[in-house]
Amino acid sequence: MVWLQLVSYFFGGAFLTNAVPHFVAGVMGEPFQSPFAEPPGQGLSSSTVNVLWGFLNLVIGYVLVCRIGDFDLRRTSDAIAFGLGILAIGLLSARLFGRFHGGNTPEHS
């Protein structure tokens, strides 16, 4: 079913995008919010936890995009589904993490 593949590409884009801040913060040696912190998503996790969480997101994103169906970035429907996943988690992350890192100040909202 083509629509299931598109859903997979949407979530693949979301997982790949979510990998970026966690993996980058981790390899920079900085703590960052993660689902494993207290409270989840608000407290800080160690850089090691964030590298592992970022890597797991990369693996899941890879599986969802590259191992399900026949993803083709030149196929408009595939690119749109993938891009909407990137945009959705990107906006959600900006709002959630902006609360902790100053990204939601009035002049930036």
C-alpha atoms as a PDB file:
ATOM      1  CA  MET A   1       0.000   0.000   0.000  1.00  0.00           C
ATOM      2  CA  VAL A   2       1.517   3.261  -1.141  1.00  0.00           C
ATOM      3  CA  TRP A   3      -0.042   5.357   1.633  1.00  0.00           C
ATOM      4  CA  LEU A   4       1.672   3.206   4.298  1.00  0.00           C
ATOM      5  CA  GLN A   5       4.991   3.889   2.604  1.00  0.00           C
ATOM      6  CA  LEU A   6       4.266   7.624   2.669  1.00  0.00           C
ATOM      7  CA  VAL A   7       3.472   7.420   6.392  1.00  0.00           C
ATOM      8  CA  SER A   8       6.776   5.588   6.859  1.00  0.00           C
ATOM      9  CA  TYR A   9       8.648   8.337   4.988  1.00  0.00           C
ATOM     10  CA  PHE A  10       6.913  11.018   7.094  1.00  0.00           C
ATOM     11  CA  PHE A  11       8.026   9.370  10.330  1.00  0.00           C
ATOM     12  CA  GLY A  12      11.435   8.615   8.841  1.00  0.00           C
ATOM     13  CA  GLY A  13      11.930  12.329   8.214  1.00  0.00           C
ATOM     14  CA  ALA A  14      10.806  13.060  11.767  1.00  0.00           C
ATOM     15  CA  PHE A  15      13.213  10.534  13.311  1.00  0.00           C
ATOM     16  CA  LEU A  16      16.137  11.705  11.172  1.00  0.00           C
ATOM     17  CA  THR A  17      15.460  15.320  12.138  1.00  0.00           C
ATOM     18  CA  ASN A  18      15.155  14.426  15.819  1.00  0.00           C
ATOM     19  CA  ALA A  19      18.548  12.717  15.643  1.00  0.00           C
ATOM     20  CA  VAL A  20      20.321  15.971  14.792  1.00  0.00           C
ATOM     21  CA  PRO A  21      20.066  18.003  18.039  1.00  0.00           C
ATOM     22  CA  HIS A  22      20.649  14.989  20.265  1.00  0.00           C
ATOM     23  CA  PHE A  23      23.627  13.644  18.358  1.00  0.00           C
ATOM     24  CA  VAL A  24      25.218  17.069  17.857  1.00  0.00           C
ATOM     25  CA  ALA A  25      24.834  18.070  21.515  1.00  0.00           C
ATOM     26  CA  GLY A  26      26.228  14.701  22.535  1.00  0.00           C
ATOM     27  CA  VAL A  27      29.319  14.817  20.347  1.00  0.00           C
ATOM     28  CA  MET A  28      29.924  18.386  21.554  1.00  0.00           C
ATOM     29  CA  GLY A  29      29.951  17.003  25.081  1.00  0.00           C
ATOM     30  CA  GLU A  30      26.926  19.022  26.159  1.00  0.00           C
ATOM     31  CA  PRO A  31      23.885  17.831  28.100  1.00  0.00           C
ATOM     32  CA  PHE A  32      20.536  18.153  26.347  1.00  0.00           C
ATOM     33  CA  GLN A  33      16.878  17.343  27.005  1.00  0.00           C
ATOM     34  CA  SER A  34      15.818  13.780  26.251  1.00  0.00           C
ATOM     35  CA  PRO A  35      12.986  11.396  27.078  1.00  0.00           C
ATOM     36  CA  PHE A  36      15.281   9.738  29.644  1.00  0.00           C
ATOM     37  CA  ALA A  37      15.801  12.825  31.823  1.00  0.00           C
ATOM     38  CA  GLU A  38      13.806  13.818  34.894  1.00  0.00           C
ATOM     39  CA  PRO A  39      11.289  15.125  34.088  1.00  0.00           C
ATOM     40  CA  PRO A  40      11.204  13.502  30.624  1.00  0.00           C
ATOM     41  CA  GLY A  41      11.829  15.976  27.807  1.00  0.00           C
ATOM     42  CA  GLN A  42      12.629  18.784  30.235  1.00  0.00           C
ATOM     43  CA  GLY A  43      15.584  17.697  32.344  1.00  0.00           C
ATOM     44  CA  LEU A  44      19.040  17.282  30.903  1.00  0.00           C
ATOM     45  CA  SER A  45      20.580  13.972  29.894  1.00  0.00           C
ATOM     46  CA  SER A  46      24.300  13.358  29.609  1.00  0.00           C
ATOM     47  CA  SER A  47      26.154  13.767  26.362  1.00  0.00           C
ATOM     48  CA  THR A  48      26.591   9.986  26.164  1.00  0.00           C
ATOM     49  CA  VAL A  49      22.848   9.382  26.483  1.00  0.00           C
ATOM     50  CA  ASN A  50      22.225  11.953  23.764  1.00  0.00           C
ATOM     51  CA  VAL A  51      24.715  10.362  21.368  1.00  0.00           C
ATOM     52  CA  LEU A  52      23.022   6.995  21.897  1.00  0.00           C
ATOM     53  CA  TRP A  53      19.520   8.487  21.544  1.00  0.00           C
ATOM     54  CA  GLY A  54      20.551  10.401  18.415  1.00  0.00           C
ATOM     55  CA  PHE A  55      22.094   7.285  16.898  1.00  0.00           C
ATOM     56  CA  LEU A  56      18.966   5.224  17.620  1.00  0.00           C
ATOM     57  CA  ASN A  57      16.897   7.915  15.883  1.00  0.00           C
ATOM     58  CA  LEU A  58      19.242   7.689  12.873  1.00  0.00           C
ATOM     59  CA  VAL A  59      18.807   3.920  12.693  1.00  0.00           C
ATOM     60  CA  ILE A  60      15.011   4.130  12.962  1.00  0.00           C
ATOM     61  CA  GLY A  61      14.896   6.913  10.370  1.00  0.00           C
ATOM     62  CA  TYR A  62      17.086   4.887   8.013  1.00  0.00           C
ATOM     63  CA  VAL A  63      14.839   1.843   8.327  1.00  0.00           C
ATOM     64  CA  LEU A  64      11.667   3.875   7.766  1.00  0.00           C
ATOM     65  CA  VAL A  65      13.025   5.687   4.703  1.00  0.00           C
ATOM     66  CA  CYS A  66      15.448   3.267   3.072  1.00  0.00           C
ATOM     67  CA  ARG A  67      14.143  -0.192   3.942  1.00  0.00           C
ATOM     68  CA  ILE A  68      10.375   0.253   3.547  1.00  0.00           C
ATOM     69  CA  GLY A  69       9.077   0.620   0.035  1.00  0.00           C
ATOM     70  CA  ASP A  70      11.212   2.160  -2.676  1.00  0.00           C
ATOM     71  CA  PHE A  71      11.893   5.732  -1.519  1.00  0.00           C
ATOM     72  CA  ASP A  72      12.783   8.063  -4.376  1.00  0.00           C
ATOM     73  CA  LEU A  73      13.556  11.678  -3.529  1.00  0.00           C
ATOM     74  CA  ARG A  74      12.639  12.584  -7.124  1.00  0.00           C
ATOM     75  CA  ARG A  75       9.109  11.182  -6.619  1.00  0.00           C
ATOM     76  CA  THR A  76       7.047  14.161  -5.469  1.00  0.00           C
ATOM     77  CA  SER A  77       4.824  12.220  -3.069  1.00  0.00           C
ATOM     78  CA  ASP A  78       7.848  10.638  -1.356  1.00  0.00           C
ATOM     79  CA  ALA A  79       9.648  13.973  -1.056  1.00  0.00           C
ATOM     80  CA  ILE A  80       6.548  15.730   0.310  1.00  0.00           C
ATOM     81  CA  ALA A  81       5.892  13.035   2.925  1.00  0.00           C
ATOM     82  CA  PHE A  82       9.557  13.061   3.990  1.00  0.00           C
ATOM     83  CA  GLY A  83       9.699  16.866   4.028  1.00  0.00           C
ATOM     84  CA  LEU A  84       6.495  17.189   6.061  1.00  0.00           C
ATOM     85  CA  GLY A  85       7.969  14.842   8.671  1.00  0.00           C
ATOM     86  CA  ILE A  86      11.082  17.030   8.833  1.00  0.00           C
ATOM     87  CA  LEU A  87       8.988  20.192   9.110  1.00  0.00           C
ATOM     88  CA  ALA A  88       6.619  18.766  11.737  1.00  0.00           C
ATOM     89  CA  ILE A  89       9.291  17.583  14.158  1.00  0.00           C
ATOM     90  CA  GLY A  90      11.399  20.660  13.408  1.00  0.00           C
ATOM     91  CA  LEU A  91       8.607  23.031  14.425  1.00  0.00           C
ATOM     92  CA  LEU A  92       7.686  20.927  17.442  1.00  0.00           C
ATOM     93  CA  SER A  93      11.308  20.797  18.578  1.00  0.00           C
ATOM     94  CA  ALA A  94      11.756  24.532  18.076  1.00  0.00           C
ATOM     95  CA  ARG A  95       8.765  25.239  20.328  1.00  0.00           C
ATOM     96  CA  LEU A  96       9.641  22.640  22.979  1.00  0.00           C
ATOM     97  CA  PHE A  97      13.387  23.227  23.197  1.00  0.00           C
ATOM     98  CA  GLY A  98      13.002  26.977  22.661  1.00  0.00           C
ATOM     99  CA  ARG A  99      11.491  27.189  26.145  1.00  0.00           C
ATOM    100  CA  PHE A 100      14.806  26.025  27.598  1.00  0.00           C
ATOM    101  CA  HIS A 101      17.280  27.723  25.268  1.00  0.00           C
ATOM    102  CA  GLY A 102      15.753  31.163  24.721  1.00  0.00           C
ATOM    103  CA  GLY A 103      14.333  30.483  21.256  1.00  0.00           C
ATOM    104  CA  ASN A 104      10.782  31.474  22.194  1.00  0.00           C
ATOM    105  CA  THR A 105      11.493  35.037  23.256  1.00  0.00           C
ATOM    106  CA  PRO A 106       8.901  37.576  22.047  1.00  0.00           C
ATOM    107  CA  GLU A 107      11.142  38.894  19.288  1.00  0.00           C
ATOM    108  CA  HIS A 108      11.727  35.314  18.052  1.00  0.00           C
ATOM    109  CA  SER A 109       8.227  33.839  18.392  1.00  0.00           C
END
